[in-house]
Amino acid sequence: MAFVVLFSTMSFTISMHYCGDTLVETVVFKKVKGCGMEMQNPSKGCSMMKKNCCDDKQLVVDGQDELQLSFDKLTFEQQQFIASFIHTYTDLFEEYNEDINSFREYKPPLVVRQIYKLDETYLI
């Protein structure tokens, strides 16, 4: 439960670097370094610029800032879910005290001959 609270309240950033349409680098919590193909500023004598083929994208995942610490205001659906979850969870570990034995009414046959003496096989 502590991991659920930790990961639901934690914010993080995923940085991705694309060269053309292919993903080159993905980094969590840091800024991407890139592939080194970024376009430099044009030289002083040249006024034409080429379009940069690389692209950086960031995906920001915001965590939850406010936690509900009290369970006073639960809706009927939430109460119903919690009650049914607890009921089914406790039924998973129910023990059966009844001895299920299919041979209870079975009576062994009477021994007419001792077979091990007839075959002369003995366990040593």
N, C-alpha and C. Protein backbone atom coordinates (compact mmCIF):
# COMPACT_ATOMS: atom_id res chain seq x y z
N MET A 1 0.83 -1.19 0.00
CA MET A 1 0.00 0.00 0.00
C MET A 1 0.88 1.25 0.00
N ALA A 2 2.04 1.15 0.65
CA ALA A 2 2.94 2.29 0.69
C ALA A 2 3.48 2.61 -0.70
N PHE A 3 3.73 1.58 -1.51
CA PHE A 3 4.21 1.80 -2.88
C PHE A 3 3.15 2.48 -3.74
N VAL A 4 1.90 2.13 -3.53
CA VAL A 4 0.81 2.76 -4.29
C VAL A 4 0.74 4.24 -3.95
N VAL A 5 0.84 4.58 -2.66
CA VAL A 5 0.80 5.99 -2.24
C VAL A 5 2.03 6.72 -2.77
N LEU A 6 3.19 6.07 -2.72
CA LEU A 6 4.42 6.71 -3.19
C LEU A 6 4.35 7.01 -4.68
N PHE A 7 3.98 6.03 -5.50
CA PHE A 7 3.97 6.23 -6.93
C PHE A 7 2.80 7.09 -7.42
N SER A 8 1.72 7.16 -6.65
CA SER A 8 0.61 8.02 -7.08
C SER A 8 0.87 9.48 -6.75
N THR A 9 1.73 9.76 -5.80
CA THR A 9 2.02 11.15 -5.43
C THR A 9 3.31 11.66 -6.06
N MET A 10 4.08 10.81 -6.71
CA MET A 10 5.37 11.21 -7.27
C MET A 10 5.19 11.78 -8.68
N SER A 11 5.85 12.90 -8.95
CA SER A 11 5.85 13.50 -10.29
C SER A 11 7.20 13.20 -10.95
N PHE A 12 7.17 12.98 -12.25
CA PHE A 12 8.42 12.76 -12.96
C PHE A 12 8.27 13.19 -14.41
N THR A 13 9.43 13.34 -15.06
CA THR A 13 9.47 13.79 -16.45
C THR A 13 10.22 12.76 -17.28
N ILE A 14 9.66 12.44 -18.44
CA ILE A 14 10.31 11.54 -19.38
C ILE A 14 10.70 12.38 -20.59
N SER A 15 12.01 12.44 -20.86
CA SER A 15 12.51 13.21 -22.00
C SER A 15 12.88 12.24 -23.11
N MET A 16 12.47 12.58 -24.35
CA MET A 16 12.73 11.72 -25.50
C MET A 16 13.39 12.55 -26.60
N HIS A 17 14.35 11.95 -27.28
CA HIS A 17 15.04 12.62 -28.38
C HIS A 17 14.79 11.82 -29.65
N TYR A 18 14.26 12.49 -30.67
CA TYR A 18 13.95 11.87 -31.95
C TYR A 18 14.88 12.42 -33.01
N CYS A 19 15.42 11.55 -33.83
CA CYS A 19 16.15 11.95 -35.04
C CYS A 19 15.28 11.53 -36.21
N GLY A 20 14.65 12.49 -36.82
CA GLY A 20 13.67 12.18 -37.86
C GLY A 20 12.43 11.60 -37.20
N ASP A 21 12.10 10.36 -37.54
CA ASP A 21 10.96 9.70 -36.94
C ASP A 21 11.36 8.58 -35.98
N THR A 22 12.64 8.38 -35.77
CA THR A 22 13.09 7.29 -34.92
C THR A 22 13.49 7.82 -33.55
N LEU A 23 13.11 7.08 -32.53
CA LEU A 23 13.45 7.43 -31.15
C LEU A 23 14.88 6.99 -30.89
N VAL A 24 15.72 7.94 -30.47
CA VAL A 24 17.13 7.65 -30.25
C VAL A 24 17.43 7.49 -28.77
N GLU A 25 16.83 8.33 -27.93
CA GLU A 25 17.19 8.33 -26.51
C GLU A 25 15.97 8.64 -25.67
N THR A 26 15.84 7.94 -24.55
CA THR A 26 14.78 8.19 -23.58
C THR A 26 15.41 8.26 -22.20
N VAL A 27 15.09 9.31 -21.47
CA VAL A 27 15.67 9.51 -20.15
C VAL A 27 14.56 9.91 -19.18
N VAL A 28 14.62 9.36 -17.98
CA VAL A 28 13.67 9.72 -16.93
C VAL A 28 14.42 10.57 -15.91
N PHE A 29 13.83 11.65 -15.45
CA PHE A 29 14.35 12.57 -14.43
C PHE A 29 15.50 13.45 -14.92
N LYS A 30 15.96 13.34 -16.15
CA LYS A 30 17.06 14.16 -16.65
C LYS A 30 16.69 14.74 -18.01
N LYS A 31 17.56 15.59 -18.52
CA LYS A 31 17.38 16.13 -19.87
C LYS A 31 18.22 15.28 -20.83
N VAL A 32 17.68 15.03 -22.01
CA VAL A 32 18.39 14.20 -22.98
C VAL A 32 19.63 14.91 -23.50
N LYS A 33 20.67 14.14 -23.82
CA LYS A 33 21.90 14.72 -24.35
C LYS A 33 21.79 15.00 -25.83
N GLY A 34 21.07 14.17 -26.54
CA GLY A 34 20.93 14.35 -27.98
C GLY A 34 21.94 13.50 -28.72
N CYS A 35 21.84 13.54 -30.04
CA CYS A 35 22.73 12.71 -30.86
C CYS A 35 23.86 13.52 -31.48
N GLY A 36 23.93 14.81 -31.24
CA GLY A 36 25.00 15.64 -31.79
C GLY A 36 24.74 16.14 -33.19
N MET A 37 23.52 15.97 -33.69
CA MET A 37 23.21 16.41 -35.05
C MET A 37 22.40 17.70 -35.06
N GLU A 38 22.36 18.42 -33.94
CA GLU A 38 21.61 19.66 -33.90
C GLU A 38 22.29 20.68 -34.81
N MET A 39 21.52 21.52 -35.44
CA MET A 39 22.05 22.53 -36.36
C MET A 39 22.68 23.66 -35.57
N GLN A 40 23.82 24.09 -36.00
CA GLN A 40 24.52 25.21 -35.38
C GLN A 40 23.97 26.52 -35.95
N ASN A 41 24.24 27.61 -35.26
CA ASN A 41 23.86 28.92 -35.80
C ASN A 41 24.56 29.12 -37.14
N PRO A 42 23.88 29.75 -38.08
CA PRO A 42 24.52 29.95 -39.39
C PRO A 42 25.74 30.86 -39.25
N SER A 43 26.68 30.63 -40.11
CA SER A 43 27.88 31.47 -40.05
C SER A 43 27.50 32.91 -40.40
N LYS A 44 28.36 33.81 -40.10
CA LYS A 44 28.05 35.22 -40.25
C LYS A 44 27.80 35.60 -41.71
N GLY A 45 28.46 34.92 -42.61
CA GLY A 45 28.32 35.28 -44.02
C GLY A 45 27.09 34.64 -44.67
N CYS A 46 26.53 33.61 -44.09
CA CYS A 46 25.43 32.88 -44.73
C CYS A 46 24.14 33.17 -43.99
N SER A 47 23.08 33.52 -44.69
CA SER A 47 21.81 33.83 -44.04
C SER A 47 20.80 32.70 -44.20
N MET A 48 21.15 31.62 -44.91
CA MET A 48 20.21 30.51 -45.10
C MET A 48 20.35 29.52 -43.94
N MET A 49 19.21 28.99 -43.51
CA MET A 49 19.23 28.00 -42.43
C MET A 49 18.57 26.72 -42.92
N LYS A 50 19.11 25.60 -42.53
CA LYS A 50 18.50 24.31 -42.83
C LYS A 50 17.56 23.93 -41.69
N LYS A 51 16.57 23.15 -42.03
CA LYS A 51 15.63 22.69 -41.01
C LYS A 51 16.30 21.59 -40.18
N ASN A 52 16.14 21.68 -38.89
CA ASN A 52 16.73 20.70 -37.98
C ASN A 52 15.95 19.39 -38.05
N CYS A 53 16.64 18.27 -38.21
CA CYS A 53 15.96 16.99 -38.31
C CYS A 53 15.70 16.38 -36.94
N CYS A 54 16.33 16.88 -35.91
CA CYS A 54 16.17 16.33 -34.55
C CYS A 54 15.07 17.07 -33.81
N ASP A 55 14.45 16.35 -32.86
CA ASP A 55 13.36 16.92 -32.11
C ASP A 55 13.39 16.35 -30.69
N ASP A 56 13.20 17.21 -29.70
CA ASP A 56 13.14 16.78 -28.30
C ASP A 56 11.71 16.92 -27.80
N LYS A 57 11.22 15.89 -27.13
CA LYS A 57 9.88 15.93 -26.56
C LYS A 57 9.96 15.54 -25.10
N GLN A 58 9.09 16.14 -24.30
CA GLN A 58 9.04 15.83 -22.88
C GLN A 58 7.62 15.42 -22.50
N LEU A 59 7.53 14.41 -21.70
CA LEU A 59 6.26 13.93 -21.17
C LEU A 59 6.31 14.12 -19.66
N VAL A 60 5.46 15.01 -19.14
CA VAL A 60 5.45 15.31 -17.71
C VAL A 60 4.27 14.59 -17.08
N VAL A 61 4.56 13.77 -16.06
CA VAL A 61 3.52 13.05 -15.33
C VAL A 61 3.41 13.70 -13.96
N ASP A 62 2.29 14.37 -13.73
CA ASP A 62 2.08 15.05 -12.45
C ASP A 62 1.47 14.08 -11.46
N GLY A 63 1.99 14.10 -10.24
CA GLY A 63 1.46 13.27 -9.18
C GLY A 63 0.31 13.95 -8.49
N GLN A 64 -0.32 13.20 -7.64
CA GLN A 64 -1.47 13.73 -6.90
C GLN A 64 -0.95 14.55 -5.72
N ASP A 65 -1.47 15.78 -5.60
CA ASP A 65 -1.00 16.66 -4.53
C ASP A 65 -1.77 16.46 -3.23
N GLU A 66 -3.04 16.18 -3.32
CA GLU A 66 -3.87 16.06 -2.14
C GLU A 66 -4.31 14.62 -1.94
N LEU A 67 -4.11 14.12 -0.76
CA LEU A 67 -4.52 12.76 -0.43
C LEU A 67 -5.75 12.80 0.46
N GLN A 68 -6.63 11.86 0.27
CA GLN A 68 -7.82 11.78 1.12
C GLN A 68 -7.44 10.90 2.31
N LEU A 69 -7.26 11.52 3.46
CA LEU A 69 -6.82 10.80 4.64
C LEU A 69 -7.99 10.26 5.46
N SER A 70 -9.17 10.82 5.28
CA SER A 70 -10.32 10.34 6.03
C SER A 70 -11.29 9.65 5.08
N PHE A 71 -11.94 8.63 5.59
CA PHE A 71 -12.89 7.88 4.79
C PHE A 71 -14.32 8.13 5.27
N ASP A 72 -14.60 9.35 5.69
CA ASP A 72 -15.93 9.69 6.18
C ASP A 72 -16.94 9.82 5.05
N LYS A 73 -16.50 10.29 3.91
CA LYS A 73 -17.42 10.59 2.81
C LYS A 73 -17.25 9.59 1.68
N LEU A 74 -17.64 8.36 1.92
CA LEU A 74 -17.60 7.36 0.87
C LEU A 74 -18.98 7.26 0.23
N THR A 75 -19.00 7.15 -1.08
CA THR A 75 -20.28 7.00 -1.75
C THR A 75 -20.79 5.57 -1.56
N PHE A 76 -22.03 5.36 -1.92
CA PHE A 76 -22.62 4.04 -1.77
C PHE A 76 -21.90 3.00 -2.63
N GLU A 77 -21.49 3.40 -3.84
CA GLU A 77 -20.78 2.48 -4.73
C GLU A 77 -19.43 2.09 -4.14
N GLN A 78 -18.73 3.04 -3.53
CA GLN A 78 -17.44 2.74 -2.91
C GLN A 78 -17.61 1.82 -1.71
N GLN A 79 -18.64 2.07 -0.90
CA GLN A 79 -18.90 1.18 0.24
C GLN A 79 -19.25 -0.22 -0.23
N GLN A 80 -20.03 -0.30 -1.28
CA GLN A 80 -20.42 -1.60 -1.82
C GLN A 80 -19.20 -2.34 -2.37
N PHE A 81 -18.31 -1.64 -3.05
CA PHE A 81 -17.09 -2.27 -3.56
C PHE A 81 -16.21 -2.78 -2.44
N ILE A 82 -16.02 -1.98 -1.41
CA ILE A 82 -15.16 -2.38 -0.29
C ILE A 82 -15.76 -3.58 0.44
N ALA A 83 -17.06 -3.57 0.67
CA ALA A 83 -17.71 -4.70 1.35
C ALA A 83 -17.60 -5.98 0.53
N SER A 84 -17.83 -5.89 -0.78
CA SER A 84 -17.75 -7.10 -1.61
C SER A 84 -16.31 -7.58 -1.74
N PHE A 85 -15.34 -6.67 -1.78
CA PHE A 85 -13.94 -7.07 -1.85
C PHE A 85 -13.52 -7.80 -0.58
N ILE A 86 -13.88 -7.27 0.57
CA ILE A 86 -13.51 -7.92 1.83
C ILE A 86 -14.19 -9.27 1.96
N HIS A 87 -15.45 -9.35 1.56
CA HIS A 87 -16.18 -10.62 1.64
C HIS A 87 -15.54 -11.69 0.75
N THR A 88 -15.21 -11.34 -0.49
CA THR A 88 -14.62 -12.33 -1.39
C THR A 88 -13.19 -12.67 -1.00
N TYR A 89 -12.45 -11.71 -0.46
CA TYR A 89 -11.07 -11.97 -0.04
C TYR A 89 -11.02 -12.91 1.14
N THR A 90 -11.92 -12.75 2.10
CA THR A 90 -11.91 -13.64 3.26
C THR A 90 -12.40 -15.03 2.90
N ASP A 91 -13.25 -15.15 1.88
CA ASP A 91 -13.71 -16.47 1.45
C ASP A 91 -12.62 -17.26 0.73
N LEU A 92 -11.59 -16.60 0.26
CA LEU A 92 -10.51 -17.31 -0.41
C LEU A 92 -9.77 -18.25 0.54
N PHE A 93 -9.70 -17.89 1.81
CA PHE A 93 -8.90 -18.63 2.78
C PHE A 93 -9.75 -19.44 3.74
N GLU A 94 -10.94 -19.77 3.35
CA GLU A 94 -11.83 -20.55 4.22
C GLU A 94 -11.40 -22.01 4.19
N GLU A 95 -11.34 -22.62 5.38
CA GLU A 95 -10.92 -24.01 5.48
C GLU A 95 -12.14 -24.91 5.48
N TYR A 96 -11.97 -26.09 4.93
CA TYR A 96 -13.01 -27.10 4.96
C TYR A 96 -12.63 -28.13 6.02
N ASN A 97 -13.46 -28.25 7.06
CA ASN A 97 -13.18 -29.21 8.13
C ASN A 97 -13.76 -30.58 7.80
N GLU A 98 -14.53 -30.68 6.80
CA GLU A 98 -15.16 -31.92 6.42
C GLU A 98 -14.14 -32.85 5.77
N ASP A 99 -14.07 -34.07 6.26
CA ASP A 99 -13.16 -35.05 5.69
C ASP A 99 -13.83 -35.68 4.48
N ILE A 100 -13.31 -35.37 3.31
CA ILE A 100 -13.88 -35.91 2.09
C ILE A 100 -13.10 -37.17 1.74
N ASN A 101 -13.73 -38.31 2.02
CA ASN A 101 -13.08 -39.59 1.79
C ASN A 101 -14.06 -40.48 1.02
N SER A 102 -13.72 -40.81 -0.21
CA SER A 102 -14.62 -41.63 -1.02
C SER A 102 -14.55 -43.10 -0.66
N PHE A 103 -13.57 -43.51 0.13
CA PHE A 103 -13.41 -44.92 0.49
C PHE A 103 -13.96 -45.23 1.88
N ARG A 104 -14.73 -44.33 2.44
CA ARG A 104 -15.23 -44.53 3.78
C ARG A 104 -16.18 -45.73 3.85
N GLU A 105 -17.06 -45.87 2.89
CA GLU A 105 -18.04 -46.95 2.87
C GLU A 105 -17.50 -48.22 2.23
N TYR A 106 -16.30 -48.16 1.70
CA TYR A 106 -15.73 -49.30 0.99
C TYR A 106 -15.14 -50.28 2.00
N LYS A 107 -15.46 -51.56 1.83
CA LYS A 107 -14.91 -52.60 2.69
C LYS A 107 -13.94 -53.43 1.87
N PRO A 108 -12.76 -53.70 2.38
CA PRO A 108 -11.78 -54.47 1.61
C PRO A 108 -12.24 -55.92 1.44
N PRO A 109 -11.76 -56.55 0.38
CA PRO A 109 -12.16 -57.95 0.18
C PRO A 109 -11.50 -58.86 1.20
N LEU A 110 -12.10 -59.99 1.40
CA LEU A 110 -11.53 -60.98 2.31
C LEU A 110 -10.31 -61.63 1.66
N VAL A 111 -9.31 -61.92 2.47
CA VAL A 111 -8.10 -62.54 1.97
C VAL A 111 -8.34 -64.04 1.91
N VAL A 112 -8.32 -64.59 0.73
CA VAL A 112 -8.54 -66.02 0.55
C VAL A 112 -7.20 -66.75 0.55
N ARG A 113 -6.25 -66.21 -0.17
CA ARG A 113 -4.92 -66.79 -0.23
C ARG A 113 -3.90 -65.67 -0.04
N GLN A 114 -2.78 -66.02 0.42
CA GLN A 114 -1.70 -65.06 0.56
C GLN A 114 -0.90 -65.08 -0.74
N ILE A 115 -1.08 -64.04 -1.54
CA ILE A 115 -0.53 -64.01 -2.89
C ILE A 115 1.00 -63.96 -2.86
N TYR A 116 1.56 -63.25 -1.92
CA TYR A 116 3.02 -63.16 -1.89
C TYR A 116 3.66 -64.51 -1.62
N LYS A 117 2.95 -65.43 -0.94
CA LYS A 117 3.50 -66.78 -0.73
C LYS A 117 3.36 -67.62 -1.99
N LEU A 118 2.27 -67.40 -2.74
CA LEU A 118 2.08 -68.16 -3.96
C LEU A 118 3.11 -67.78 -5.02
N ASP A 119 3.42 -66.50 -5.13
CA ASP A 119 4.40 -66.04 -6.12
C ASP A 119 5.82 -66.08 -5.58
N GLU A 120 5.97 -66.33 -4.31
CA GLU A 120 7.24 -66.37 -3.62
C GLU A 120 8.04 -65.10 -3.83
N THR A 121 7.40 -63.98 -3.63
CA THR A 121 8.07 -62.68 -3.68
C THR A 121 7.98 -62.06 -2.29
N TYR A 122 9.12 -61.68 -1.76
CA TYR A 122 9.21 -61.12 -0.43
C TYR A 122 9.98 -59.82 -0.47
N LEU A 123 9.57 -58.86 0.30
CA LEU A 123 10.30 -57.60 0.41
C LEU A 123 11.41 -57.75 1.45
N ILE A 124 12.58 -57.36 1.09
CA ILE A 124 13.70 -57.47 2.03
C ILE A 124 14.12 -56.10 2.48
